[in-house]
Amino acid sequence: YCATSAMKNQLDGSVDICNDDDGVTIDDVSKMVSLGNAEVLEVKYENGKVAKLKVKSNNYEIELQPDGSFTVNGEATDPVDPTPEVPEPVSFANDSWETIANAVKEGNTSAYNVGDTKEVTLTGEYAGTYTVRIANISTPTECSGSDFSQTACGFVIEFVDIITNHNMNSSNINDGGYPASEMYNFVNNDIYNLLPDSLKSIIVDTKVVSSRGTVDSSNFTTTDRLYLLSTEEILGSNLSCDASNDSTRQLDYYEDNGVTSSNYSGAIKNYNGSASYWWTRSAPTRLSTSFYSVSTYGCSDYSYYGADNSYGVAPAFRIG
């Protein structure tokens, strides 16, 4: 089977080794397709591509046809499928990103559980190995609302701890909310570009609803690859000054761990091994100078968290 698959590559032209000027011999073909003890009986090529190939090995004569099918001792078999199968999901920690994305698309995620972790390697300025976890798997009916943020719907992954520190803005303003902030560009450009290609290729666009500050009159909706969490997605406590509360929901991970505005230790994130403040994307309606942040204890407030403070960045994303 492996030999016939290799020969199939030459039949359909994906490996173009035979043309009138190459002087490729039957023996050369045998070596190129690694047929081992197989004897090449016949090779024909047209217009620079192999049109026919017949080999004999262990008393079997295998003949490849131009349509990708082949015969064994004169009997037809099914065409060779050149597309490798994606492995079945086994564990979030060890499966490839391709396997995980395929499982999500097919709804075959029983091998994965909320809270499962996996290591991901970033390059560039923040090069290193970081841990991400499954923060959400469920998609309740509220997620189908036309104005509902998709940031806590479906298969959501978040960074367990902080990648680096960064200010929301260089001055204490929240005009335009999270989408107008310097942090927004930092997350969706600087951080995103450091992710491995295998991960970037399976991250899906997400509808993100972000709350407004006192200067603005309505919330903001964007479509992003990476995003910061909101207070509701973490604490699920409907904080009075987060105007986006009704447009999102608490992530499965934080709900499963009983995280609330009065029981918040499960929201702690570390930076370089120590608990540290980290930003949400939520601007408070009472102020024009700050965004909500999660403290070293896990609670969230906005009173002292001016937008020019440099706090932790721990984004989330969805795959599929």
Protein backbone atom coordinates (compact mmCIF):
# COMPACT_ATOMS: atom_id res chain seq x y z
CA TYR A 1 0.00 0.00 0.00
CA CYS A 2 2.79 2.45 0.87
CA ALA A 3 4.52 1.68 -2.40
CA THR A 4 1.37 2.23 -4.44
CA SER A 5 0.69 5.49 -2.63
CA ALA A 6 4.14 6.72 -3.52
CA MET A 7 3.62 5.71 -7.15
CA LYS A 8 0.26 7.46 -7.18
CA ASN A 9 2.06 10.72 -6.46
CA GLN A 10 3.97 10.28 -9.69
CA LEU A 11 0.89 9.34 -11.71
CA ASP A 12 -1.01 12.49 -10.82
CA GLY A 13 2.04 14.66 -11.41
CA SER A 14 2.61 15.85 -7.88
CA VAL A 15 6.16 14.52 -8.21
CA ASP A 16 7.35 15.21 -11.75
CA ILE A 17 10.51 13.17 -12.23
CA CYS A 18 10.10 11.66 -15.69
CA ASN A 19 10.43 13.64 -18.86
CA ASP A 20 12.22 13.21 -22.16
CA ASP A 21 15.29 15.11 -21.00
CA ASP A 22 15.79 13.48 -17.61
CA GLY A 23 17.02 10.13 -18.82
CA VAL A 24 15.28 8.51 -15.83
CA THR A 25 15.60 4.77 -15.92
CA ILE A 26 13.40 2.04 -14.51
CA ASP A 27 16.02 1.42 -11.83
CA ASP A 28 15.95 5.12 -10.90
CA VAL A 29 12.19 4.99 -10.43
CA SER A 30 12.56 1.98 -8.15
CA LYS A 31 14.97 3.86 -5.94
CA MET A 32 12.97 7.07 -5.91
CA VAL A 33 9.75 5.45 -4.72
CA SER A 34 11.59 3.24 -2.22
CA LEU A 35 10.06 0.00 -3.39
CA GLY A 36 12.69 -2.11 -1.70
CA ASN A 37 12.78 -5.53 -3.40
CA ALA A 38 10.12 -4.62 -5.96
CA GLU A 39 10.89 -5.11 -9.64
CA VAL A 40 9.69 -2.36 -11.96
CA LEU A 41 8.17 -4.05 -15.00
CA GLU A 42 6.96 -1.07 -16.97
CA VAL A 43 7.11 2.69 -16.87
CA LYS A 44 5.39 4.99 -19.38
CA TYR A 45 5.29 8.74 -19.27
CA GLU A 46 3.59 11.42 -21.33
CA ASN A 47 4.12 15.17 -21.33
CA GLY A 48 6.63 14.97 -18.52
CA LYS A 49 4.45 12.91 -16.17
CA VAL A 50 4.22 9.24 -15.40
CA ALA A 51 1.21 7.79 -17.25
CA LYS A 52 1.63 4.16 -16.26
CA LEU A 53 3.65 2.21 -13.73
CA LYS A 54 3.72 -1.54 -13.14
CA VAL A 55 5.78 -3.28 -10.44
CA LYS A 56 6.15 -6.78 -9.06
CA SER A 57 6.81 -7.54 -5.41
CA ASN A 58 6.35 -10.72 -3.36
CA ASN A 59 4.50 -12.42 -6.21
CA TYR A 60 2.11 -9.48 -6.60
CA GLU A 61 1.90 -7.45 -9.79
CA ILE A 62 0.68 -3.95 -9.04
CA GLU A 63 -0.33 -1.68 -11.91
CA LEU A 64 -1.23 1.95 -11.40
CA GLN A 65 -3.76 3.61 -13.70
CA PRO A 66 -4.01 7.30 -14.67
CA ASP A 67 -7.18 7.77 -12.58
CA GLY A 68 -5.36 6.76 -9.40
CA SER A 69 -6.82 3.25 -9.23
CA PHE A 70 -4.61 0.18 -9.41
CA THR A 71 -4.85 -3.52 -9.99
CA VAL A 72 -3.27 -6.29 -7.99
CA ASN A 73 -2.64 -9.41 -10.08
CA GLY A 74 -5.12 -8.05 -12.60
CA GLU A 75 -7.93 -7.37 -10.13
CA ALA A 76 -9.10 -3.79 -9.68
CA THR A 77 -9.02 -2.12 -6.28
CA ASP A 78 -10.30 1.20 -5.01
CA PRO A 79 -8.40 4.34 -6.00
CA VAL A 80 -5.66 5.42 -3.62
CA ASP A 81 -6.76 8.29 -1.40
CA PRO A 82 -3.76 10.63 -1.19
CA THR A 83 -5.27 12.65 1.68
CA PRO A 84 -3.95 11.47 5.06
CA GLU A 85 -6.58 10.91 7.71
CA VAL A 86 -6.57 13.24 10.70
CA PRO A 87 -6.05 11.15 13.86
CA GLU A 88 -8.94 10.66 16.26
CA PRO A 89 -8.83 12.89 19.36
CA VAL A 90 -7.11 11.38 22.39
CA SER A 91 -6.10 14.20 24.73
CA PHE A 92 -6.00 17.98 24.52
CA ALA A 93 -2.47 18.01 25.94
CA ASN A 94 -0.97 15.77 23.27
CA ASP A 95 -3.17 16.06 20.18
CA SER A 96 -2.02 18.30 17.34
CA TRP A 97 -3.88 21.55 16.75
CA GLU A 98 -5.13 20.07 13.49
CA THR A 99 -6.62 17.10 15.33
CA ILE A 100 -8.25 19.36 17.92
CA ALA A 101 -9.73 21.67 15.28
CA ASN A 102 -11.05 18.71 13.30
CA ALA A 103 -12.66 17.27 16.44
CA VAL A 104 -14.35 20.59 17.18
CA LYS A 105 -15.67 20.88 13.62
CA GLU A 106 -17.09 17.36 13.77
CA GLY A 107 -18.51 17.77 17.27
CA ASN A 108 -16.26 14.95 18.44
CA THR A 109 -14.87 16.53 21.62
CA SER A 110 -15.67 13.86 24.19
CA ALA A 111 -11.93 13.31 24.73
CA TYR A 112 -11.58 16.92 25.89
CA ASN A 113 -12.80 18.49 29.13
CA VAL A 114 -13.12 22.03 30.41
CA GLY A 115 -9.93 22.80 32.31
CA ASP A 116 -7.68 20.55 30.20
CA THR A 117 -4.35 22.22 29.49
CA LYS A 118 -1.82 22.25 26.69
CA GLU A 119 1.56 23.90 26.16
CA VAL A 120 2.06 26.40 23.37
CA THR A 121 5.36 27.96 22.30
CA LEU A 122 5.53 31.65 21.42
CA THR A 123 8.36 33.18 19.42
CA GLY A 124 9.82 36.66 19.20
CA GLU A 125 9.88 39.18 22.04
CA TYR A 126 7.94 36.95 24.43
CA ALA A 127 9.46 33.67 23.31
CA GLY A 128 8.80 30.81 25.66
CA THR A 129 6.42 28.02 26.57
CA TYR A 130 3.03 28.99 27.96
CA THR A 131 0.04 26.99 29.15
CA VAL A 132 -3.42 27.36 27.67
CA ARG A 133 -6.60 25.66 28.84
CA ILE A 134 -10.06 24.84 27.58
CA ALA A 135 -12.21 27.58 29.11
CA ASN A 136 -15.47 26.67 27.40
CA ILE A 137 -17.09 23.94 25.32
CA SER A 138 -20.84 24.59 25.64
CA THR A 139 -23.00 26.65 23.29
CA PRO A 140 -26.27 27.45 25.11
CA THR A 141 -29.25 28.90 23.29
CA GLU A 142 -28.42 32.45 24.37
CA CYS A 143 -25.37 32.29 22.11
CA SER A 144 -27.69 32.41 19.10
CA GLY A 145 -28.83 35.96 19.91
CA SER A 146 -28.07 38.45 17.15
CA ASP A 147 -26.39 40.89 19.54
CA PHE A 148 -24.72 38.26 21.70
CA SER A 149 -20.92 38.10 21.96
CA GLN A 150 -19.44 34.77 20.87
CA THR A 151 -16.49 35.10 23.24
CA ALA A 152 -17.93 32.55 25.70
CA CYS A 153 -19.66 30.32 23.17
CA GLY A 154 -18.29 27.15 21.65
CA PHE A 155 -14.71 25.91 22.04
CA VAL A 156 -12.85 28.70 23.85
CA ILE A 157 -9.22 28.53 24.92
CA GLU A 158 -7.52 31.01 27.25
CA PHE A 159 -4.00 31.54 28.48
CA VAL A 160 -3.80 30.18 32.02
CA ASP A 161 -1.37 32.88 33.12
CA ILE A 162 -0.03 36.22 31.94
CA ILE A 163 2.15 36.51 28.82
CA THR A 164 3.43 40.02 29.58
CA ASN A 165 2.33 43.35 31.02
CA HIS A 166 1.01 46.21 28.90
CA ASN A 167 -1.09 49.35 29.37
CA MET A 168 -4.59 49.67 27.90
CA ASN A 169 -3.71 53.16 26.70
CA SER A 170 -0.76 55.46 27.14
CA SER A 171 -3.05 57.92 28.94
CA ASN A 172 -5.99 57.46 31.30
CA ILE A 173 -8.84 57.31 28.78
CA ASN A 174 -11.36 54.69 27.71
CA ASP A 175 -12.95 56.59 24.82
CA GLY A 176 -14.04 54.11 22.18
CA GLY A 177 -13.70 51.26 24.65
CA TYR A 178 -11.47 48.25 24.13
CA PRO A 179 -11.56 48.38 20.28
CA ALA A 180 -10.05 51.89 20.29
CA SER A 181 -7.39 51.03 22.85
CA GLU A 182 -3.70 50.50 22.26
CA MET A 183 -4.14 47.13 23.95
CA TYR A 184 -6.51 46.00 21.19
CA ASN A 185 -3.80 46.37 18.54
CA PHE A 186 -1.19 44.87 20.84
CA VAL A 187 -3.25 41.70 21.36
CA ASN A 188 -4.44 41.25 17.78
CA ASN A 189 -1.13 42.06 16.12
CA ASP A 190 1.90 41.76 18.42
CA ILE A 191 0.70 38.76 20.45
CA TYR A 192 -1.14 37.02 17.61
CA ASN A 193 1.93 37.11 15.36
CA LEU A 194 3.97 35.25 18.00
CA LEU A 195 1.70 32.19 17.93
CA PRO A 196 2.84 29.09 16.02
CA ASP A 197 1.45 28.81 12.48
CA SER A 198 -0.22 25.50 13.33
CA LEU A 199 -2.33 27.32 15.91
CA LYS A 200 -2.99 30.49 13.92
CA SER A 201 -4.34 28.41 11.05
CA ILE A 202 -7.20 27.01 13.14
CA ILE A 203 -8.20 30.09 15.19
CA VAL A 204 -11.58 31.35 14.02
CA ASP A 205 -12.93 34.88 13.84
CA THR A 206 -15.03 35.74 16.89
CA LYS A 207 -17.74 38.33 17.36
CA VAL A 208 -16.65 40.37 20.39
CA VAL A 209 -18.97 42.74 22.29
CA SER A 210 -17.10 45.18 24.55
CA SER A 211 -18.59 47.56 27.10
CA ARG A 212 -18.57 51.35 26.94
CA GLY A 213 -17.24 53.96 29.31
CA THR A 214 -19.02 57.13 30.40
CA VAL A 215 -17.99 59.07 27.28
CA ASP A 216 -19.66 56.66 24.85
CA SER A 217 -23.37 55.89 24.45
CA SER A 218 -23.32 52.23 23.34
CA ASN A 219 -21.24 49.08 23.44
CA PHE A 220 -18.83 48.07 20.70
CA THR A 221 -18.82 45.04 18.41
CA THR A 222 -15.73 43.80 16.59
CA THR A 223 -14.57 40.62 14.89
CA ASP A 224 -11.27 39.39 16.33
CA ARG A 225 -8.93 36.42 16.45
CA LEU A 226 -7.67 37.09 19.98
CA TYR A 227 -9.52 39.01 22.68
CA LEU A 228 -9.39 39.86 26.36
CA LEU A 229 -12.12 38.45 28.59
CA SER A 230 -14.89 40.60 30.07
CA THR A 231 -15.88 40.75 33.74
CA GLU A 232 -19.05 38.72 33.09
CA GLU A 233 -17.08 35.94 31.35
CA ILE A 234 -14.87 35.60 34.43
CA LEU A 235 -17.03 36.44 37.47
CA GLY A 236 -20.51 35.92 36.06
CA SER A 237 -21.76 38.43 38.60
CA ASN A 238 -23.43 41.05 36.42
CA LEU A 239 -21.29 43.90 37.71
CA SER A 240 -23.40 47.06 37.61
CA CYS A 241 -20.89 49.18 35.72
CA ASP A 242 -20.17 46.70 32.91
CA ALA A 243 -22.72 47.54 30.21
CA SER A 244 -21.93 44.37 28.23
CA ASN A 245 -23.15 41.94 30.92
CA ASP A 246 -26.30 41.00 29.04
CA SER A 247 -24.35 40.45 25.83
CA THR A 248 -22.17 37.60 27.06
CA ARG A 249 -22.07 34.79 29.63
CA GLN A 250 -19.71 33.25 32.17
CA LEU A 251 -17.23 30.79 30.69
CA ASP A 252 -17.73 27.14 31.63
CA TYR A 253 -14.36 26.99 33.41
CA TYR A 254 -15.11 29.81 35.84
CA GLU A 255 -18.68 28.66 36.40
CA ASP A 256 -17.54 25.09 37.09
CA ASN A 257 -15.05 26.41 39.64
CA GLY A 258 -17.66 28.54 41.42
CA VAL A 259 -16.02 31.87 40.61
CA THR A 260 -18.15 34.89 41.55
CA SER A 261 -17.61 38.49 42.68
CA SER A 262 -17.51 37.18 46.27
CA ASN A 263 -15.64 33.91 45.60
CA TYR A 264 -12.92 34.89 43.19
CA SER A 265 -9.65 33.06 43.99
CA GLY A 266 -10.21 30.91 40.90
CA ALA A 267 -9.67 34.00 38.75
CA ILE A 268 -6.08 34.57 39.88
CA LYS A 269 -3.41 34.60 37.17
CA ASN A 270 0.35 34.60 37.69
CA TYR A 271 3.18 36.47 36.05
CA ASN A 272 6.67 35.04 36.47
CA GLY A 273 5.34 32.77 39.22
CA SER A 274 3.52 35.38 41.31
CA ALA A 275 -0.10 36.49 41.35
CA SER A 276 -0.50 39.68 39.35
CA TYR A 277 -3.15 42.11 38.12
CA TRP A 278 -4.52 41.39 34.65
CA TRP A 279 -6.73 43.34 32.30
CA THR A 280 -10.25 42.64 31.07
CA ARG A 281 -11.72 44.37 28.00
CA SER A 282 -14.54 45.91 30.07
CA ALA A 283 -14.74 49.68 30.48
CA PRO A 284 -16.89 50.91 33.43
CA THR A 285 -19.86 53.15 32.61
CA ARG A 286 -19.10 55.43 35.56
CA LEU A 287 -15.63 56.51 34.47
CA SER A 288 -13.83 57.72 31.37
CA THR A 289 -10.35 56.90 32.65
CA SER A 290 -10.15 53.18 33.35
CA PHE A 291 -10.94 49.56 32.52
CA TYR A 292 -11.79 46.69 34.83
CA SER A 293 -8.83 44.63 36.00
CA VAL A 294 -8.60 41.44 38.04
CA SER A 295 -6.51 41.81 41.17
CA THR A 296 -3.91 39.56 42.77
CA TYR A 297 -6.75 38.13 44.88
CA GLY A 298 -8.99 37.48 41.86
CA CYS A 299 -11.57 40.19 42.52
CA SER A 300 -12.41 42.87 39.96
CA ASP A 301 -12.89 46.61 40.30
CA TYR A 302 -12.20 49.74 38.27
CA SER A 303 -11.70 52.57 40.79
CA TYR A 304 -7.92 52.56 40.77
CA TYR A 305 -7.19 50.87 37.46
CA GLY A 306 -6.33 53.81 35.22
CA ALA A 307 -5.89 52.80 31.58
CA ASP A 308 -2.21 53.80 31.58
CA ASN A 309 -1.31 51.14 34.14
CA SER A 310 0.75 48.21 32.87
CA TYR A 311 -1.10 45.05 33.89
CA GLY A 312 -1.20 41.46 32.68
CA VAL A 313 -2.23 40.31 29.22
CA ALA A 314 -3.87 36.87 29.05
CA PRO A 315 -5.98 36.62 25.88
CA ALA A 316 -8.48 34.01 24.76
CA PHE A 317 -9.49 32.67 21.35
CA ARG A 318 -11.78 30.15 19.71
CA ILE A 319 -10.88 27.33 17.36
CA GLY A 320 -12.83 25.34 14.83
